[in-house]
C-alpha atoms as a PDB file:
ATOM      1  CA  MET A   1      -0.006  -0.092   0.075  1.00  0.00           C
ATOM      2  CA  GLN A   2       1.190   3.447  -0.812  1.00  0.00           C
ATOM      3  CA  VAL A   3      -0.262   6.608   0.750  1.00  0.00           C
ATOM      4  CA  ASP A   4       0.741  10.027   1.379  1.00  0.00           C
ATOM      5  CA  TYR A   5       0.465   9.850   5.046  1.00  0.00           C
ATOM      6  CA  ILE A   6       0.470   7.478   8.008  1.00  0.00           C
ATOM      7  CA  ILE A   7      -1.005   9.145  11.169  1.00  0.00           C
ATOM      8  CA  VAL A   8      -0.714   7.358  14.596  1.00  0.00           C
ATOM      9  CA  GLY A   9      -3.367   8.529  16.806  1.00  0.00           C
ATOM     10  CA  ILE A  10      -7.192   9.545  16.322  1.00  0.00           C
ATOM     11  CA  GLY A  11      -8.009  11.846  19.107  1.00  0.00           C
ATOM     12  CA  LEU A  12      -8.828  15.442  18.546  1.00  0.00           C
ATOM     13  CA  ALA A  13      -5.497  16.185  17.044  1.00  0.00           C
ATOM     14  CA  GLY A  14      -5.489  13.140  14.681  1.00  0.00           C
ATOM     15  CA  ILE A  15      -9.025  14.071  13.539  1.00  0.00           C
ATOM     16  CA  GLY A  16      -8.093  17.567  12.949  1.00  0.00           C
ATOM     17  CA  PHE A  17      -5.340  16.414  10.574  1.00  0.00           C
ATOM     18  CA  CYS A  18      -7.299  13.872   8.712  1.00  0.00           C
ATOM     19  CA  GLU A  19      -9.571  16.453   7.667  1.00  0.00           C
ATOM     20  CA  GLN A  20      -6.849  18.553   6.403  1.00  0.00           C
ATOM     21  CA  LEU A  21      -5.769  15.517   4.371  1.00  0.00           C
ATOM     22  CA  ARG A  22      -9.179  14.751   3.188  1.00  0.00           C
ATOM     23  CA  ALA A  23      -9.880  18.648   2.269  1.00  0.00           C
ATOM     24  CA  ASN A  24      -6.605  18.589   0.199  1.00  0.00           C
ATOM     25  CA  ASN A  25      -7.026  14.972  -1.394  1.00  0.00           C
ATOM     26  CA  LYS A  26      -4.407  13.352   0.230  1.00  0.00           C
ATOM     27  CA  THR A  27      -4.287   9.668   0.956  1.00  0.00           C
ATOM     28  CA  PHE A  28      -3.494   8.429   4.349  1.00  0.00           C
ATOM     29  CA  VAL A  29      -4.170   5.437   7.027  1.00  0.00           C
ATOM     30  CA  VAL A  30      -4.585   5.718  10.815  1.00  0.00           C
ATOM     31  CA  PHE A  31      -3.102   3.393  13.461  1.00  0.00           C
ATOM     32  CA  ASP A  32      -4.713   3.656  16.935  1.00  0.00           C
ATOM     33  CA  ASP A  33      -5.052   1.158  19.680  1.00  0.00           C
ATOM     34  CA  THR A  34      -7.448   3.135  21.660  1.00  0.00           C
ATOM     35  CA  SER A  35      -4.942   2.915  24.604  1.00  0.00           C
ATOM     36  CA  GLN A  36      -5.108   6.841  25.142  1.00  0.00           C
ATOM     37  CA  GLN A  37      -8.320   8.145  26.691  1.00  0.00           C
ATOM     38  CA  SER A  38      -7.863  11.758  27.047  1.00  0.00           C
ATOM     39  CA  SER A  39     -11.228  12.354  25.299  1.00  0.00           C
ATOM     40  CA  ASN A  40     -12.927  10.587  28.324  1.00  0.00           C
ATOM     41  CA  VAL A  41     -12.173  13.757  30.401  1.00  0.00           C
ATOM     42  CA  ALA A  42     -12.718  16.005  27.540  1.00  0.00           C
ATOM     43  CA  GLY A  43     -15.853  18.000  28.565  1.00  0.00           C
ATOM     44  CA  GLY A  44     -16.020  19.249  24.889  1.00  0.00           C
ATOM     45  CA  LEU A  45     -16.441  22.734  25.909  1.00  0.00           C
ATOM     46  CA  TYR A  46     -15.263  25.614  23.524  1.00  0.00           C
ATOM     47  CA  ASN A  47     -14.800  28.879  25.310  1.00  0.00           C
ATOM     48  CA  PRO A  48     -12.605  31.780  24.024  1.00  0.00           C
ATOM     49  CA  VAL A  49     -12.213  33.193  27.619  1.00  0.00           C
ATOM     50  CA  VAL A  50      -9.892  32.043  30.366  1.00  0.00           C
ATOM     51  CA  SER A  51     -12.642  32.425  32.859  1.00  0.00           C
ATOM     52  CA  LYS A  52     -10.339  32.185  35.900  1.00  0.00           C
ATOM     53  CA  ARG A  53      -8.516  35.084  34.861  1.00  0.00           C
ATOM     54  CA  PHE A  54     -11.014  36.951  32.449  1.00  0.00           C
ATOM     55  CA  THR A  55      -8.440  36.850  29.488  1.00  0.00           C
ATOM     56  CA  ALA A  56      -8.851  35.942  25.906  1.00  0.00           C
ATOM     57  CA  VAL A  57      -7.597  32.431  25.043  1.00  0.00           C
ATOM     58  CA  TRP A  58      -4.602  32.533  22.564  1.00  0.00           C
ATOM     59  CA  LYS A  59      -5.707  33.101  19.178  1.00  0.00           C
ATOM     60  CA  CYS A  60      -9.286  32.293  20.122  1.00  0.00           C
ATOM     61  CA  LYS A  61     -10.784  33.951  17.066  1.00  0.00           C
ATOM     62  CA  GLU A  62      -8.746  31.948  14.506  1.00  0.00           C
ATOM     63  CA  GLN A  63      -9.328  28.721  16.556  1.00  0.00           C
ATOM     64  CA  LEU A  64     -13.018  29.124  16.830  1.00  0.00           C
ATOM     65  CA  GLY A  65     -13.448  29.990  13.033  1.00  0.00           C
ATOM     66  CA  LEU A  66     -11.655  26.882  11.866  1.00  0.00           C
ATOM     67  CA  ALA A  67     -13.184  24.539  14.436  1.00  0.00           C
ATOM     68  CA  LEU A  68     -16.726  25.348  14.136  1.00  0.00           C
ATOM     69  CA  ALA A  69     -16.467  25.138  10.472  1.00  0.00           C
ATOM     70  CA  MET A  70     -14.827  21.982  10.591  1.00  0.00           C
ATOM     71  CA  TYR A  71     -17.673  20.390  12.947  1.00  0.00           C
ATOM     72  CA  ALA A  72     -20.494  21.961  11.038  1.00  0.00           C
ATOM     73  CA  LYS A  73     -19.145  19.998   7.719  1.00  0.00           C
ATOM     74  CA  LEU A  74     -18.641  16.687   9.833  1.00  0.00           C
ATOM     75  CA  GLU A  75     -22.204  17.291  11.070  1.00  0.00           C
ATOM     76  CA  THR A  76     -23.577  17.380   7.652  1.00  0.00           C
ATOM     77  CA  GLU A  77     -21.341  14.790   6.061  1.00  0.00           C
ATOM     78  CA  PHE A  78     -22.130  12.212   8.914  1.00  0.00           C
ATOM     79  CA  ASN A  79     -25.721  13.167   9.639  1.00  0.00           C
ATOM     80  CA  VAL A  80     -24.715  13.567  13.565  1.00  0.00           C
ATOM     81  CA  LYS A  81     -25.362  16.315  16.017  1.00  0.00           C
ATOM     82  CA  LEU A  82     -21.804  17.444  17.378  1.00  0.00           C
ATOM     83  CA  ASP A  83     -22.241  21.332  18.141  1.00  0.00           C
ATOM     84  CA  HIS A  84     -24.408  22.231  20.977  1.00  0.00           C
ATOM     85  CA  LYS A  85     -24.475  25.755  21.228  1.00  0.00           C
ATOM     86  CA  ILE A  86     -24.590  26.788  25.246  1.00  0.00           C
ATOM     87  CA  PRO A  87     -23.776  29.816  27.101  1.00  0.00           C
ATOM     88  CA  VAL A  88     -21.087  29.885  29.729  1.00  0.00           C
ATOM     89  CA  TYR A  89     -21.994  31.502  33.225  1.00  0.00           C
ATOM     90  CA  ARG A  90     -18.971  32.323  35.385  1.00  0.00           C
ATOM     91  CA  LYS A  91     -20.062  32.453  38.945  1.00  0.00           C
ATOM     92  CA  PHE A  92     -18.806  35.568  40.771  1.00  0.00           C
ATOM     93  CA  ALA A  93     -16.912  35.065  44.443  1.00  0.00           C
ATOM     94  CA  SER A  94     -17.099  38.562  45.077  1.00  0.00           C
ATOM     95  CA  PHE A  95     -17.830  42.387  44.207  1.00  0.00           C
ATOM     96  CA  GLU A  96     -14.232  42.618  43.257  1.00  0.00           C
ATOM     97  CA  GLU A  97     -14.700  39.689  40.576  1.00  0.00           C
ATOM     98  CA  GLN A  98     -17.582  41.582  39.525  1.00  0.00           C
ATOM     99  CA  ASN A  99     -15.616  44.704  38.862  1.00  0.00           C
ATOM    100  CA  ASP A 100     -12.463  42.778  37.198  1.00  0.00           C
ATOM    101  CA  TRP A 101     -15.197  41.206  34.848  1.00  0.00           C
ATOM    102  CA  PHE A 102     -16.644  44.289  33.647  1.00  0.00           C
ATOM    103  CA  THR A 103     -13.008  46.028  33.288  1.00  0.00           C
ATOM    104  CA  ALA A 104     -12.056  43.131  31.164  1.00  0.00           C
ATOM    105  CA  SER A 105     -15.413  43.231  29.118  1.00  0.00           C
ATOM    106  CA  ASP A 106     -14.278  46.985  27.928  1.00  0.00           C
ATOM    107  CA  LYS A 107     -11.099  45.562  26.227  1.00  0.00           C
ATOM    108  CA  PRO A 108     -11.291  45.370  22.662  1.00  0.00           C
ATOM    109  CA  ILE A 109     -10.086  41.527  22.555  1.00  0.00           C
ATOM    110  CA  LEU A 110     -12.718  40.733  24.923  1.00  0.00           C
ATOM    111  CA  SER A 111     -15.661  42.721  24.158  1.00  0.00           C
ATOM    112  CA  GLU A 112     -17.160  40.365  21.789  1.00  0.00           C
ATOM    113  CA  TYR A 113     -16.835  37.439  24.111  1.00  0.00           C
ATOM    114  CA  LEU A 114     -17.642  38.897  27.606  1.00  0.00           C
ATOM    115  CA  SER A 115     -21.102  40.089  28.289  1.00  0.00           C
ATOM    116  CA  PRO A 116     -21.296  43.518  30.358  1.00  0.00           C
ATOM    117  CA  LYS A 117     -24.601  42.497  31.952  1.00  0.00           C
ATOM    118  CA  LEU A 118     -24.666  41.242  35.520  1.00  0.00           C
ATOM    119  CA  ILE A 119     -26.973  38.126  35.663  1.00  0.00           C
ATOM    120  CA  LYS A 120     -28.610  37.960  39.165  1.00  0.00           C
ATOM    121  CA  ASN A 121     -28.940  34.334  40.607  1.00  0.00           C
ATOM    122  CA  GLU A 122     -32.582  33.367  40.661  1.00  0.00           C
ATOM    123  CA  ASN A 123     -32.017  29.574  40.998  1.00  0.00           C
ATOM    124  CA  HIS A 124     -32.382  28.422  44.669  1.00  0.00           C
ATOM    125  CA  ALA A 125     -30.473  25.296  43.821  1.00  0.00           C
ATOM    126  CA  ILE A 126     -27.349  27.244  43.323  1.00  0.00           C
ATOM    127  CA  ASP A 127     -25.187  29.197  45.852  1.00  0.00           C
ATOM    128  CA  ALA A 128     -24.157  32.366  43.889  1.00  0.00           C
ATOM    129  CA  PRO A 129     -24.880  35.559  45.915  1.00  0.00           C
ATOM    130  CA  PHE A 130     -22.797  37.678  43.419  1.00  0.00           C
ATOM    131  CA  GLY A 131     -24.436  36.526  40.542  1.00  0.00           C
ATOM    132  CA  PHE A 132     -22.782  35.589  37.031  1.00  0.00           C
ATOM    133  CA  GLY A 133     -21.096  36.945  34.059  1.00  0.00           C
ATOM    134  CA  GLU A 134     -21.930  35.422  30.816  1.00  0.00           C
ATOM    135  CA  VAL A 135     -19.275  34.235  28.131  1.00  0.00           C
ATOM    136  CA  LEU A 136     -20.545  34.562  24.434  1.00  0.00           C
ATOM    137  CA  GLU A 137     -19.856  32.301  21.542  1.00  0.00           C
ATOM    138  CA  THR A 138     -19.719  29.288  23.598  1.00  0.00           C
ATOM    139  CA  GLY A 139     -20.749  25.646  23.111  1.00  0.00           C
ATOM    140  CA  ARG A 140     -19.992  21.832  23.637  1.00  0.00           C
ATOM    141  CA  ILE A 141     -18.766  19.538  21.180  1.00  0.00           C
ATOM    142  CA  ASP A 142     -20.008  15.832  21.798  1.00  0.00           C
ATOM    143  CA  VAL A 143     -16.399  14.343  21.739  1.00  0.00           C
ATOM    144  CA  LYS A 144     -17.733  10.671  21.997  1.00  0.00           C
ATOM    145  CA  ALA A 145     -20.239  11.009  19.030  1.00  0.00           C
ATOM    146  CA  LEU A 146     -17.340  12.631  17.229  1.00  0.00           C
ATOM    147  CA  MET A 147     -15.055   9.907  17.931  1.00  0.00           C
ATOM    148  CA  ASP A 148     -17.471   7.071  17.153  1.00  0.00           C
ATOM    149  CA  VAL A 149     -18.676   8.626  13.926  1.00  0.00           C
ATOM    150  CA  TYR A 150     -15.015   9.318  12.780  1.00  0.00           C
ATOM    151  CA  LYS A 151     -13.758   5.869  13.537  1.00  0.00           C
ATOM    152  CA  GLU A 152     -16.873   4.423  11.752  1.00  0.00           C
ATOM    153  CA  HIS A 153     -15.914   6.492   8.795  1.00  0.00           C
ATOM    154  CA  LEU A 154     -12.357   5.300   8.650  1.00  0.00           C
ATOM    155  CA  LEU A 155     -13.263   1.580   9.146  1.00  0.00           C
ATOM    156  CA  LYS A 156     -15.584   1.764   6.363  1.00  0.00           C
ATOM    157  CA  ASN A 157     -13.092   3.032   3.984  1.00  0.00           C
ATOM    158  CA  ASN A 158     -10.418   0.622   5.208  1.00  0.00           C
ATOM    159  CA  LEU A 159      -8.248   3.492   6.457  1.00  0.00           C
ATOM    160  CA  PHE A 160      -8.103   2.358  10.242  1.00  0.00           C
ATOM    161  CA  PHE A 161      -5.940  -0.083  11.981  1.00  0.00           C
ATOM    162  CA  GLU A 162      -6.902  -0.931  15.615  1.00  0.00           C
ATOM    163  CA  THR A 163      -3.639  -1.707  16.707  1.00  0.00           C
ATOM    164  CA  GLY A 164      -0.546  -0.349  18.479  1.00  0.00           C
ATOM    165  CA  PHE A 165       2.229   1.044  16.644  1.00  0.00           C
ATOM    166  CA  ASP A 166       5.639  -0.688  16.660  1.00  0.00           C
ATOM    167  CA  TYR A 167       8.243   2.145  16.530  1.00  0.00           C
ATOM    168  CA  GLU A 168      11.105  -0.224  15.805  1.00  0.00           C
ATOM    169  CA  GLY A 169       9.146  -1.296  12.753  1.00  0.00           C
ATOM    170  CA  LEU A 170       9.278   2.051  10.971  1.00  0.00           C
ATOM    171  CA  LYS A 171      12.024   2.546   8.350  1.00  0.00           C
ATOM    172  CA  ASN A 172      13.040   6.102   7.440  1.00  0.00           C
ATOM    173  CA  LEU A 173      13.714   6.300   3.877  1.00  0.00           C
ATOM    174  CA  ASP A 174      15.167   9.081   1.825  1.00  0.00           C
ATOM    175  CA  ASN A 175      11.907   9.865   0.136  1.00  0.00           C
ATOM    176  CA  GLY A 176       9.600   8.774   2.860  1.00  0.00           C
ATOM    177  CA  VAL A 177       8.854   6.042   5.415  1.00  0.00           C
ATOM    178  CA  GLN A 178       7.715   2.434   5.398  1.00  0.00           C
ATOM    179  CA  TYR A 179       5.825   0.301   8.055  1.00  0.00           C
ATOM    180  CA  GLU A 180       5.051  -3.128   7.500  1.00  0.00           C
ATOM    181  CA  ASN A 181       3.456  -3.030   3.953  1.00  0.00           C
ATOM    182  CA  ILE A 182       2.729   0.677   3.937  1.00  0.00           C
ATOM    183  CA  THR A 183       5.142   3.158   2.200  1.00  0.00           C
ATOM    184  CA  ALA A 184       4.310   7.011   2.838  1.00  0.00           C
ATOM    185  CA  LYS A 185       5.688  10.313   2.295  1.00  0.00           C
ATOM    186  CA  HIS A 186       5.199  11.276   5.920  1.00  0.00           C
ATOM    187  CA  ILE A 187       4.185  10.074   9.365  1.00  0.00           C
ATOM    188  CA  VAL A 188       2.511  12.093  11.996  1.00  0.00           C
ATOM    189  CA  PHE A 189       2.418  11.168  15.642  1.00  0.00           C
ATOM    190  CA  ALA A 190      -0.685  12.562  17.078  1.00  0.00           C
ATOM    191  CA  GLU A 191      -0.882  10.077  19.972  1.00  0.00           C
ATOM    192  CA  GLY A 192      -1.390  12.111  22.942  1.00  0.00           C
ATOM    193  CA  PHE A 193       0.158  10.905  26.416  1.00  0.00           C
ATOM    194  CA  GLY A 194       1.515   7.875  24.424  1.00  0.00           C
ATOM    195  CA  VAL A 195       4.147  10.136  22.603  1.00  0.00           C
ATOM    196  CA  MET A 196       6.203   9.717  25.987  1.00  0.00           C
ATOM    197  CA  LYS A 197       7.095   6.008  24.997  1.00  0.00           C
ATOM    198  CA  ASN A 198       7.711   7.441  21.368  1.00  0.00           C
ATOM    199  CA  PRO A 199      11.690   6.970  20.872  1.00  0.00           C
ATOM    200  CA  PHE A 200      11.432   9.813  18.236  1.00  0.00           C
ATOM    201  CA  PHE A 201       9.782  12.563  20.365  1.00  0.00           C
ATOM    202  CA  LYS A 202      10.244  11.301  23.820  1.00  0.00           C
ATOM    203  CA  GLU A 203      12.444  14.115  24.818  1.00  0.00           C
ATOM    204  CA  LEU A 204       9.695  16.768  24.373  1.00  0.00           C
ATOM    205  CA  PRO A 205       8.504  18.160  27.775  1.00  0.00           C
ATOM    206  CA  LEU A 206       4.956  16.839  27.470  1.00  0.00           C
ATOM    207  CA  VAL A 207       3.483  16.988  31.029  1.00  0.00           C
ATOM    208  CA  PRO A 208       0.610  14.186  31.425  1.00  0.00           C
ATOM    209  CA  ALA A 209      -2.018  15.402  33.701  1.00  0.00           C
ATOM    210  CA  LYS A 210      -4.746  12.958  34.663  1.00  0.00           C
ATOM    211  CA  GLY A 211      -8.248  14.203  34.890  1.00  0.00           C
ATOM    212  CA  GLU A 212     -11.324  12.741  36.275  1.00  0.00           C
ATOM    213  CA  LEU A 213     -15.110  13.663  35.746  1.00  0.00           C
ATOM    214  CA  LEU A 214     -18.366  12.682  37.417  1.00  0.00           C
ATOM    215  CA  THR A 215     -21.669  12.515  35.564  1.00  0.00           C
ATOM    216  CA  ILE A 216     -24.311  13.358  38.078  1.00  0.00           C
ATOM    217  CA  HIS A 217     -28.293  13.322  38.003  1.00  0.00           C
ATOM    218  CA  ALA A 218     -29.773  16.510  39.742  1.00  0.00           C
ATOM    219  CA  PRO A 219     -33.662  16.751  38.790  1.00  0.00           C
ATOM    220  CA  GLU A 220     -34.122  20.035  40.740  1.00  0.00           C
ATOM    221  CA  LEU A 221     -31.026  21.806  39.248  1.00  0.00           C
ATOM    222  CA  LYS A 222     -32.550  22.770  35.854  1.00  0.00           C
ATOM    223  CA  ILE A 223     -29.986  24.736  34.443  1.00  0.00           C
ATOM    224  CA  ASP A 224     -29.469  25.349  30.426  1.00  0.00           C
ATOM    225  CA  TYR A 225     -26.127  26.788  30.779  1.00  0.00           C
ATOM    226  CA  VAL A 226     -22.608  25.646  31.579  1.00  0.00           C
ATOM    227  CA  LEU A 227     -21.723  26.741  35.143  1.00  0.00           C
ATOM    228  CA  LYS A 228     -18.290  27.748  36.034  1.00  0.00           C
ATOM    229  CA  ALA A 229     -17.211  27.891  39.562  1.00  0.00           C
ATOM    230  CA  SER A 230     -14.532  25.753  41.691  1.00  0.00           C
ATOM    231  CA  ALA A 231     -15.958  23.056  39.561  1.00  0.00           C
ATOM    232  CA  PHE A 232     -17.882  23.192  36.111  1.00  0.00           C
ATOM    233  CA  LEU A 233     -21.069  21.670  35.229  1.00  0.00           C
ATOM    234  CA  ILE A 234     -22.077  20.855  31.614  1.00  0.00           C
ATOM    235  CA  PRO A 235     -25.884  20.033  30.940  1.00  0.00           C
ATOM    236  CA  LEU A 236     -26.645  16.975  28.916  1.00  0.00           C
ATOM    237  CA  GLY A 237     -30.113  16.764  29.011  1.00  0.00           C
ATOM    238  CA  ASP A 238     -32.427  14.571  31.267  1.00  0.00           C
ATOM    239  CA  ASP A 239     -31.165  16.206  34.298  1.00  0.00           C
ATOM    240  CA  LEU A 240     -27.828  15.012  33.714  1.00  0.00           C
ATOM    241  CA  TYR A 241     -24.555  17.126  34.185  1.00  0.00           C
ATOM    242  CA  ILE A 242     -20.843  16.536  33.620  1.00  0.00           C
ATOM    243  CA  VAL A 243     -18.784  17.577  36.661  1.00  0.00           C
ATOM    244  CA  GLY A 244     -15.130  18.392  36.664  1.00  0.00           C
ATOM    245  CA  ALA A 245     -12.439  18.386  36.504  1.00  0.00           C
ATOM    246  CA  THR A 246      -9.630  17.146  38.531  1.00  0.00           C
ATOM    247  CA  TYR A 247      -5.748  17.433  37.984  1.00  0.00           C
ATOM    248  CA  GLU A 248      -3.257  14.736  39.027  1.00  0.00           C
ATOM    249  CA  TRP A 249       0.319  14.436  38.220  1.00  0.00           C
ATOM    250  CA  LYS A 250       1.602  11.391  39.541  1.00  0.00           C
ATOM    251  CA  ASP A 251      -1.133   8.762  39.327  1.00  0.00           C
ATOM    252  CA  LEU A 252      -1.038   8.529  35.304  1.00  0.00           C
ATOM    253  CA  SER A 253      -3.337   5.404  35.140  1.00  0.00           C
ATOM    254  CA  ASN A 254      -6.709   5.431  33.584  1.00  0.00           C
ATOM    255  CA  THR A 255      -8.287   4.053  36.762  1.00  0.00           C
ATOM    256  CA  ILE A 256     -11.032   6.249  38.630  1.00  0.00           C
ATOM    257  CA  THR A 257     -10.175   7.127  42.006  1.00  0.00           C
ATOM    258  CA  SER A 258     -12.408   7.754  45.401  1.00  0.00           C
ATOM    259  CA  ILE A 259      -9.942  10.743  46.099  1.00  0.00           C
ATOM    260  CA  ALA A 260     -10.973  12.507  42.827  1.00  0.00           C
ATOM    261  CA  LYS A 261     -14.667  11.556  43.458  1.00  0.00           C
ATOM    262  CA  GLU A 262     -14.592  13.095  46.924  1.00  0.00           C
ATOM    263  CA  GLU A 263     -12.795  16.251  45.630  1.00  0.00           C
ATOM    264  CA  LEU A 264     -15.553  16.983  43.105  1.00  0.00           C
ATOM    265  CA  LEU A 265     -18.260  16.119  45.594  1.00  0.00           C
ATOM    266  CA  GLY A 266     -16.696  18.550  48.197  1.00  0.00           C
ATOM    267  CA  LYS A 267     -16.934  21.410  45.563  1.00  0.00           C
ATOM    268  CA  LEU A 268     -20.657  20.533  44.397  1.00  0.00           C
ATOM    269  CA  LYS A 269     -21.861  20.430  48.047  1.00  0.00           C
ATOM    270  CA  LYS A 270     -20.544  23.978  48.321  1.00  0.00           C
ATOM    271  CA  LEU A 271     -22.010  25.059  45.071  1.00  0.00           C
ATOM    272  CA  LEU A 272     -25.388  23.352  45.053  1.00  0.00           C
ATOM    273  CA  HIS A 273     -28.462  23.548  47.255  1.00  0.00           C
ATOM    274  CA  CYS A 274     -30.173  20.480  45.762  1.00  0.00           C
ATOM    275  CA  LYS A 275     -29.752  16.721  45.990  1.00  0.00           C
ATOM    276  CA  PHE A 276     -28.000  15.056  43.402  1.00  0.00           C
ATOM    277  CA  GLU A 277     -26.733  11.395  42.615  1.00  0.00           C
ATOM    278  CA  VAL A 278     -23.378  10.246  40.869  1.00  0.00           C
ATOM    279  CA  VAL A 279     -24.240   8.010  38.115  1.00  0.00           C
ATOM    280  CA  ASN A 280     -20.888   7.799  36.223  1.00  0.00           C
ATOM    281  CA  GLN A 281     -17.188   8.467  36.752  1.00  0.00           C
ATOM    282  CA  VAL A 282     -14.373   8.689  34.090  1.00  0.00           C
ATOM    283  CA  ALA A 283     -10.625   9.249  33.882  1.00  0.00           C
ATOM    284  CA  GLY A 284      -8.283   9.815  31.341  1.00  0.00           C
ATOM    285  CA  ILE A 285      -4.704  11.391  30.759  1.00  0.00           C
ATOM    286  CA  ARG A 286      -4.456  14.944  29.224  1.00  0.00           C
ATOM    287  CA  PRO A 287      -1.230  15.606  26.930  1.00  0.00           C
ATOM    288  CA  THR A 288      -0.277  19.283  28.490  1.00  0.00           C
ATOM    289  CA  VAL A 289       2.689  21.240  27.957  1.00  0.00           C
ATOM    290  CA  LYS A 290       4.673  23.409  30.520  1.00  0.00           C
ATOM    291  CA  ASP A 291       4.297  26.796  28.519  1.00  0.00           C
ATOM    292  CA  ARG A 292       0.556  25.812  27.598  1.00  0.00           C
ATOM    293  CA  ARG A 293       1.327  25.803  23.943  1.00  0.00           C
ATOM    294  CA  PRO A 294       0.967  22.774  21.659  1.00  0.00           C
ATOM    295  CA  LEU A 295       3.819  20.661  20.270  1.00  0.00           C
ATOM    296  CA  VAL A 296       3.743  20.842  16.602  1.00  0.00           C
ATOM    297  CA  GLY A 297       6.634  20.302  13.951  1.00  0.00           C
ATOM    298  CA  ARG A 298       9.345  18.204  12.509  1.00  0.00           C
ATOM    299  CA  HIS A 299      11.908  15.761  13.856  1.00  0.00           C
ATOM    300  CA  LYS A 300      15.217  17.307  14.198  1.00  0.00           C
ATOM    301  CA  THR A 301      17.001  14.737  12.050  1.00  0.00           C
ATOM    302  CA  HIS A 302      14.382  12.562  10.331  1.00  0.00           C
ATOM    303  CA  LYS A 303      12.534  15.028   8.205  1.00  0.00           C
ATOM    304  CA  ASN A 304       9.621  12.867   7.379  1.00  0.00           C
ATOM    305  CA  LEU A 305       8.441  12.425  10.879  1.00  0.00           C
ATOM    306  CA  TYR A 306       6.123  15.027  12.676  1.00  0.00           C
ATOM    307  CA  VAL A 307       4.718  15.551  15.889  1.00  0.00           C
ATOM    308  CA  LEU A 308       1.006  17.043  16.498  1.00  0.00           C
ATOM    309  CA  ASN A 309       0.517  16.832  20.383  1.00  0.00           C
ATOM    310  CA  GLY A 310      -0.029  18.852  23.688  1.00  0.00           C
ATOM    311  CA  LEU A 311      -3.608  20.230  23.050  1.00  0.00           C
ATOM    312  CA  GLY A 312      -4.279  20.095  26.828  1.00  0.00           C
ATOM    313  CA  THR A 313      -7.772  21.155  28.110  1.00  0.00           C
ATOM    314  CA  ARG A 314      -8.759  22.908  24.942  1.00  0.00           C
ATOM    315  CA  GLY A 315      -8.611  20.331  22.220  1.00  0.00           C
ATOM    316  CA  VAL A 316     -11.816  20.944  20.520  1.00  0.00           C
ATOM    317  CA  MET A 317     -11.034  24.337  19.873  1.00  0.00           C
ATOM    318  CA  ILE A 318      -7.181  24.219  19.190  1.00  0.00           C
ATOM    319  CA  GLY A 319      -6.942  20.792  17.173  1.00  0.00           C
ATOM    320  CA  PRO A 320      -8.209  22.040  13.904  1.00  0.00           C
ATOM    321  CA  TYR A 321      -5.942  25.275  14.144  1.00  0.00           C
ATOM    322  CA  VAL A 322      -2.772  23.396  14.745  1.00  0.00           C
ATOM    323  CA  ALA A 323      -3.747  20.665  12.271  1.00  0.00           C
ATOM    324  CA  GLN A 324      -3.891  23.434   9.620  1.00  0.00           C
ATOM    325  CA  GLN A 325      -0.722  24.815  10.714  1.00  0.00           C
ATOM    326  CA  LEU A 326       1.196  21.509  10.579  1.00  0.00           C
ATOM    327  CA  PHE A 327      -0.278  20.714   7.187  1.00  0.00           C
ATOM    328  CA  ASP A 328       0.675  24.139   5.708  1.00  0.00           C
ATOM    329  CA  PHE A 329       3.954  23.610   6.964  1.00  0.00           C
ATOM    330  CA  ILE A 330       4.488  20.257   5.495  1.00  0.00           C
ATOM    331  CA  GLU A 331       2.795  20.786   2.062  1.00  0.00           C
ATOM    332  CA  LYS A 332       3.156  24.528   1.456  1.00  0.00           C
ATOM    333  CA  ASP A 333       6.558  25.329   3.516  1.00  0.00           C
ATOM    334  CA  ILE A 334       4.774  27.865   5.512  1.00  0.00           C
ATOM    335  CA  PRO A 335       6.765  28.383   8.596  1.00  0.00           C
ATOM    336  CA  LEU A 336       5.153  27.230  11.999  1.00  0.00           C
ATOM    337  CA  GLU A 337       4.220  29.854  14.478  1.00  0.00           C
ATOM    338  CA  GLU A 338       6.920  30.072  17.032  1.00  0.00           C
ATOM    339  CA  ASP A 339       4.666  29.689  19.838  1.00  0.00           C
ATOM    340  CA  ILE A 340       3.761  25.929  18.813  1.00  0.00           C
ATOM    341  CA  ASP A 341       6.836  24.807  17.034  1.00  0.00           C
ATOM    342  CA  SER A 342       8.167  21.774  18.826  1.00  0.00           C
ATOM    343  CA  ALA A 343      11.866  23.123  17.849  1.00  0.00           C
ATOM    344  CA  ARG A 344      11.238  25.490  20.709  1.00  0.00           C
ATOM    345  CA  PHE A 345      12.354  22.436  22.893  1.00  0.00           C
ATOM    346  CA  GLN A 346      14.677  20.756  20.641  1.00  0.00           C
ATOM    347  CA  LEU A 347      17.628  23.369  20.793  1.00  0.00           C
END
């Protein structure tokens, strides 16, 4: 088999890059053994604001434009609902936070994303005496539905190998790479946390962060917005809500823990004045980077090997953007932005 690209990993980064290839009539195959489960802890929220500090997300306008167009295209092509528009309400902890919000909403870069109106809390199930600020241009991508439908598409077209990738079996040729019976011009590693075992890119400073989420059933809560406080709540319908998220840097298993559950329950009990029941708990490892920017680029010596990783907690927004950056770098020789170029750690 001869293709333009081999892609290792079909998380949010891998899907974004596959879409670049499909849009540009490039041939490819994908390897993924489903061992990486960062999508388990992807709430799927897209939000152009860092709500903790009231600042704009890096390249938020560019990211949103590309991401929402890609998800809309996939919704039409695969006849699946992926993009659920929903506002985000940031709970204020004090009058000072209210003032900080209104100051931020006057800034040009934030004025289209931060509503200048104070929303009073009229929901007796929530403890929010100082009210909320509304973030605009927000929503939730159904990551599980995306992953399921995309994998189904790849399988139907014989483009997917559900198996681990044997790095020792990769032969680096002058004009491409060879793996088993497949010859390709390029190979892109988009394997998330798994890249730490990749001998070609293991020196990159990926910081794996385990995260856990709960799903609760709360019939009295009745909110139709994402609530951001010490924990976040994302409504799923039928009185179900995703609650997250935790961060753990030592235990890097995909096993759920009672410690994380108790941490989230402690935050919920301070936030909610209603009964709720935990109906599910999931864990996964997020691929994060110490400078909070993705890892995108070419191997320093093997010129046909590339990395696309480190999306962190904002994968649904940033994935399509960095995928386009990498495609343009490979195919059009357009330099990568310095902020994301993996060469910043390969000096």
